[in-house]
């Protein structure tokens, strides 16, 4: 009988060099999407809170800036960004 090879999880530390730039891009994009939903909801509110709207927009811009830097980020920076943005999304309640 032929044995099947064992499947290896994508982020298995023994088989992977760590998160990829694609992982980081997706993590940052999920947080940007959360901010986008919040901004739209605030804008559509009968009485938008301008201070909250400004804060959301600034935080979203910071995420966009981080995402732009991914092309030149090294493995350690990519790993840091993935961890940061996955944690941030959990804090925001988006995951």
N, C-alpha and C. Protein backbone atom coordinates (compact mmCIF):
# COMPACT_ATOMS: atom_id res chain seq x y z
N UNK A 1 0.82 -1.17 0.00
CA UNK A 1 0.00 0.00 0.00
C UNK A 1 0.88 1.25 0.00
N UNK A 2 0.51 2.21 -0.79
CA UNK A 2 1.26 3.45 -0.89
C UNK A 2 0.90 4.38 0.26
N UNK A 3 1.93 4.99 0.88
CA UNK A 3 1.68 5.94 1.96
C UNK A 3 1.53 7.34 1.40
N UNK A 4 0.58 8.07 1.93
CA UNK A 4 0.39 9.46 1.53
C UNK A 4 1.30 10.34 2.36
N UNK A 5 1.78 11.40 1.75
CA UNK A 5 2.63 12.32 2.50
C UNK A 5 1.78 13.10 3.50
N UNK A 6 2.39 13.42 4.60
CA UNK A 6 1.69 14.16 5.66
C UNK A 6 1.58 15.62 5.26
N UNK A 7 0.38 16.18 5.40
CA UNK A 7 0.18 17.60 5.10
C UNK A 7 0.87 18.44 6.17
N UNK A 8 1.50 19.51 5.74
CA UNK A 8 2.21 20.41 6.65
C UNK A 8 1.42 21.70 6.74
N UNK A 9 1.06 22.16 7.96
CA UNK A 9 0.35 23.44 8.10
C UNK A 9 1.17 24.58 7.50
N UNK A 10 0.46 25.58 7.00
CA UNK A 10 1.11 26.70 6.35
C UNK A 10 2.11 27.41 7.25
N UNK A 11 1.78 27.61 8.51
CA UNK A 11 2.65 28.37 9.41
C UNK A 11 3.37 27.49 10.41
N UNK A 12 3.68 26.28 10.04
CA UNK A 12 4.42 25.38 10.92
C UNK A 12 5.86 25.89 11.03
N UNK A 13 6.31 26.31 12.22
CA UNK A 13 7.65 26.88 12.36
C UNK A 13 8.75 25.95 11.90
N UNK A 14 8.52 24.65 11.95
CA UNK A 14 9.54 23.72 11.52
C UNK A 14 9.63 23.58 10.01
N UNK A 15 8.64 24.05 9.29
CA UNK A 15 8.60 23.88 7.85
C UNK A 15 8.45 25.19 7.08
N UNK A 16 8.41 26.28 7.76
CA UNK A 16 8.17 27.56 7.10
C UNK A 16 9.12 28.61 7.65
N UNK A 17 9.47 29.53 6.81
CA UNK A 17 10.35 30.61 7.23
C UNK A 17 9.58 31.70 7.95
N UNK A 18 8.28 31.54 8.10
CA UNK A 18 7.46 32.55 8.77
C UNK A 18 6.44 33.13 7.82
N UNK A 19 5.71 34.12 8.29
CA UNK A 19 4.67 34.71 7.46
C UNK A 19 5.27 35.37 6.22
N UNK A 20 4.51 35.36 5.16
CA UNK A 20 4.95 35.96 3.90
C UNK A 20 4.44 37.39 3.79
N UNK A 21 4.93 38.09 2.78
CA UNK A 21 4.44 39.44 2.54
C UNK A 21 2.96 39.40 2.18
N UNK A 22 2.51 38.31 1.58
CA UNK A 22 1.08 38.15 1.27
C UNK A 22 0.27 38.05 2.56
N UNK A 23 0.79 37.31 3.54
CA UNK A 23 0.12 37.23 4.84
C UNK A 23 0.00 38.61 5.46
N UNK A 24 1.08 39.38 5.40
CA UNK A 24 1.07 40.73 5.97
C UNK A 24 0.09 41.62 5.22
N UNK A 25 0.11 41.55 3.89
CA UNK A 25 -0.80 42.36 3.08
C UNK A 25 -2.24 42.06 3.46
N UNK A 26 -2.57 40.77 3.60
CA UNK A 26 -3.94 40.39 3.95
C UNK A 26 -4.32 40.84 5.36
N UNK A 27 -3.40 40.74 6.29
CA UNK A 27 -3.68 41.16 7.67
C UNK A 27 -3.95 42.66 7.73
N UNK A 28 -3.10 43.44 7.07
CA UNK A 28 -3.28 44.90 7.06
C UNK A 28 -4.57 45.26 6.34
N UNK A 29 -4.85 44.59 5.24
CA UNK A 29 -6.05 44.88 4.45
C UNK A 29 -7.32 44.60 5.25
N UNK A 30 -7.32 43.56 6.07
CA UNK A 30 -8.49 43.27 6.90
C UNK A 30 -8.74 44.40 7.90
N UNK A 31 -7.68 44.97 8.45
CA UNK A 31 -7.84 46.09 9.39
C UNK A 31 -8.30 47.33 8.64
N UNK A 32 -7.75 47.58 7.46
CA UNK A 32 -8.20 48.71 6.64
C UNK A 32 -9.69 48.57 6.34
N UNK A 33 -10.13 47.37 6.01
CA UNK A 33 -11.55 47.14 5.72
C UNK A 33 -12.42 47.43 6.94
N UNK A 34 -11.92 47.06 8.14
CA UNK A 34 -12.67 47.36 9.35
C UNK A 34 -12.84 48.87 9.50
N UNK A 35 -11.74 49.61 9.31
CA UNK A 35 -11.83 51.07 9.41
C UNK A 35 -12.76 51.64 8.34
N UNK A 36 -12.72 51.09 7.14
CA UNK A 36 -13.60 51.56 6.06
C UNK A 36 -15.07 51.40 6.46
N UNK A 37 -15.42 50.24 7.02
CA UNK A 37 -16.80 50.02 7.45
C UNK A 37 -17.20 51.01 8.54
N UNK A 38 -16.29 51.25 9.48
CA UNK A 38 -16.59 52.20 10.57
C UNK A 38 -16.75 53.62 10.04
N UNK A 39 -15.89 54.01 9.12
CA UNK A 39 -15.96 55.35 8.53
C UNK A 39 -17.29 55.53 7.80
N UNK A 40 -17.66 54.53 6.99
CA UNK A 40 -18.94 54.62 6.26
C UNK A 40 -20.12 54.70 7.22
N UNK A 41 -20.09 53.90 8.26
CA UNK A 41 -21.19 53.93 9.24
C UNK A 41 -21.27 55.30 9.92
N UNK A 42 -20.12 55.85 10.25
CA UNK A 42 -20.11 57.17 10.92
C UNK A 42 -20.61 58.25 9.96
N UNK A 43 -20.18 58.20 8.72
CA UNK A 43 -20.61 59.18 7.73
C UNK A 43 -22.11 59.11 7.48
N UNK A 44 -22.67 57.91 7.55
CA UNK A 44 -24.11 57.72 7.29
C UNK A 44 -24.96 57.97 8.53
N UNK A 45 -24.32 58.16 9.65
CA UNK A 45 -25.04 58.42 10.89
C UNK A 45 -25.81 59.73 10.78
N UNK A 46 -26.99 59.81 11.40
CA UNK A 46 -27.76 61.07 11.36
C UNK A 46 -26.99 62.25 11.97
N UNK A 47 -26.12 61.96 12.94
CA UNK A 47 -25.31 63.01 13.57
C UNK A 47 -23.88 62.50 13.69
N UNK A 48 -23.12 62.54 12.58
CA UNK A 48 -21.75 62.01 12.61
C UNK A 48 -20.88 62.71 13.65
N UNK A 49 -20.09 61.91 14.33
CA UNK A 49 -19.13 62.43 15.30
C UNK A 49 -17.85 62.76 14.52
N UNK A 50 -17.64 64.02 14.27
CA UNK A 50 -16.51 64.47 13.44
C UNK A 50 -15.17 64.08 14.05
N UNK A 51 -15.06 64.12 15.36
CA UNK A 51 -13.81 63.76 16.02
C UNK A 51 -13.51 62.27 15.81
N UNK A 52 -14.52 61.43 15.98
CA UNK A 52 -14.34 59.99 15.77
C UNK A 52 -14.02 59.72 14.30
N UNK A 53 -14.70 60.40 13.41
CA UNK A 53 -14.47 60.22 11.98
C UNK A 53 -13.03 60.57 11.62
N UNK A 54 -12.54 61.68 12.14
CA UNK A 54 -11.15 62.09 11.89
C UNK A 54 -10.18 61.06 12.44
N UNK A 55 -10.44 60.56 13.64
CA UNK A 55 -9.58 59.56 14.25
C UNK A 55 -9.56 58.27 13.42
N UNK A 56 -10.71 57.83 12.98
CA UNK A 56 -10.79 56.62 12.15
C UNK A 56 -10.02 56.80 10.84
N UNK A 57 -10.17 57.95 10.22
CA UNK A 57 -9.48 58.22 8.96
C UNK A 57 -7.96 58.25 9.14
N UNK A 58 -7.51 58.84 10.24
CA UNK A 58 -6.07 58.89 10.52
C UNK A 58 -5.51 57.49 10.76
N UNK A 59 -6.25 56.69 11.50
CA UNK A 59 -5.80 55.32 11.77
C UNK A 59 -5.79 54.49 10.48
N UNK A 60 -6.78 54.70 9.65
CA UNK A 60 -6.82 53.99 8.37
C UNK A 60 -5.63 54.39 7.50
N UNK A 61 -5.31 55.68 7.46
CA UNK A 61 -4.16 56.15 6.68
C UNK A 61 -2.86 55.52 7.17
N UNK A 62 -2.72 55.37 8.47
CA UNK A 62 -1.52 54.73 9.02
C UNK A 62 -1.43 53.28 8.54
N UNK A 63 -2.55 52.60 8.47
CA UNK A 63 -2.57 51.22 7.95
C UNK A 63 -2.16 51.19 6.48
N UNK A 64 -2.69 52.12 5.71
CA UNK A 64 -2.36 52.19 4.28
C UNK A 64 -0.87 52.45 4.11
N UNK A 65 -0.32 53.32 4.93
CA UNK A 65 1.12 53.60 4.87
C UNK A 65 1.94 52.35 5.19
N UNK A 66 1.52 51.60 6.21
CA UNK A 66 2.21 50.35 6.54
C UNK A 66 2.14 49.37 5.39
N UNK A 67 0.98 49.28 4.76
CA UNK A 67 0.82 48.34 3.65
C UNK A 67 1.72 48.71 2.47
N UNK A 68 1.90 50.01 2.24
CA UNK A 68 2.79 50.45 1.16
C UNK A 68 4.23 50.05 1.41
N UNK A 69 4.62 49.94 2.67
CA UNK A 69 6.00 49.62 3.03
C UNK A 69 6.32 48.12 2.90
N UNK A 70 5.32 47.31 2.68
CA UNK A 70 5.53 45.86 2.64
C UNK A 70 6.50 45.42 1.55
N UNK A 71 6.52 46.12 0.43
CA UNK A 71 7.38 45.72 -0.68
C UNK A 71 8.85 45.71 -0.29
N UNK A 72 9.22 46.57 0.63
CA UNK A 72 10.63 46.66 1.02
C UNK A 72 10.90 46.07 2.42
N UNK A 73 9.89 45.45 3.01
CA UNK A 73 10.04 44.92 4.37
C UNK A 73 10.77 43.58 4.36
N UNK A 74 11.62 43.41 5.35
CA UNK A 74 12.33 42.14 5.51
C UNK A 74 11.48 41.16 6.30
N UNK A 75 11.97 39.93 6.45
CA UNK A 75 11.19 38.89 7.13
C UNK A 75 10.79 39.25 8.57
N UNK A 76 11.68 39.89 9.31
CA UNK A 76 11.34 40.24 10.70
C UNK A 76 10.25 41.31 10.74
N UNK A 77 10.33 42.28 9.86
CA UNK A 77 9.31 43.33 9.81
C UNK A 77 7.98 42.76 9.37
N UNK A 78 8.00 41.85 8.41
CA UNK A 78 6.77 41.22 7.95
C UNK A 78 6.13 40.44 9.10
N UNK A 79 6.92 39.67 9.83
CA UNK A 79 6.40 38.91 10.96
C UNK A 79 5.81 39.84 12.02
N UNK A 80 6.49 40.96 12.27
CA UNK A 80 6.00 41.93 13.25
C UNK A 80 4.67 42.52 12.80
N UNK A 81 4.58 42.88 11.52
CA UNK A 81 3.34 43.47 11.00
C UNK A 81 2.18 42.48 11.05
N UNK A 82 2.43 41.24 10.69
CA UNK A 82 1.37 40.23 10.74
C UNK A 82 0.86 40.10 12.18
N UNK A 83 1.77 39.96 13.12
CA UNK A 83 1.38 39.82 14.53
C UNK A 83 0.62 41.05 15.01
N UNK A 84 1.13 42.23 14.65
CA UNK A 84 0.50 43.48 15.08
C UNK A 84 -0.91 43.62 14.52
N UNK A 85 -1.07 43.39 13.22
CA UNK A 85 -2.37 43.60 12.60
C UNK A 85 -3.37 42.50 12.93
N UNK A 86 -2.91 41.29 13.15
CA UNK A 86 -3.84 40.24 13.60
C UNK A 86 -4.34 40.57 15.01
N UNK A 87 -3.44 41.03 15.88
CA UNK A 87 -3.84 41.43 17.23
C UNK A 87 -4.76 42.64 17.18
N UNK A 88 -4.45 43.59 16.32
CA UNK A 88 -5.26 44.79 16.21
C UNK A 88 -6.68 44.45 15.78
N UNK A 89 -6.81 43.54 14.81
CA UNK A 89 -8.13 43.16 14.35
C UNK A 89 -8.92 42.48 15.47
N UNK A 90 -8.26 41.66 16.27
CA UNK A 90 -8.94 41.04 17.42
C UNK A 90 -9.40 42.11 18.40
N UNK A 91 -8.54 43.10 18.66
CA UNK A 91 -8.90 44.20 19.57
C UNK A 91 -10.11 44.96 19.06
N UNK A 92 -10.17 45.14 17.76
CA UNK A 92 -11.26 45.90 17.16
C UNK A 92 -12.55 45.09 17.08
N UNK A 93 -12.43 43.81 17.32
CA UNK A 93 -13.60 42.95 17.27
C UNK A 93 -13.93 42.48 15.88
N UNK A 94 -12.96 42.59 14.98
CA UNK A 94 -13.21 42.20 13.58
C UNK A 94 -12.85 40.78 13.27
N UNK A 95 -12.40 40.02 14.27
CA UNK A 95 -12.05 38.62 14.00
C UNK A 95 -12.59 37.71 15.07
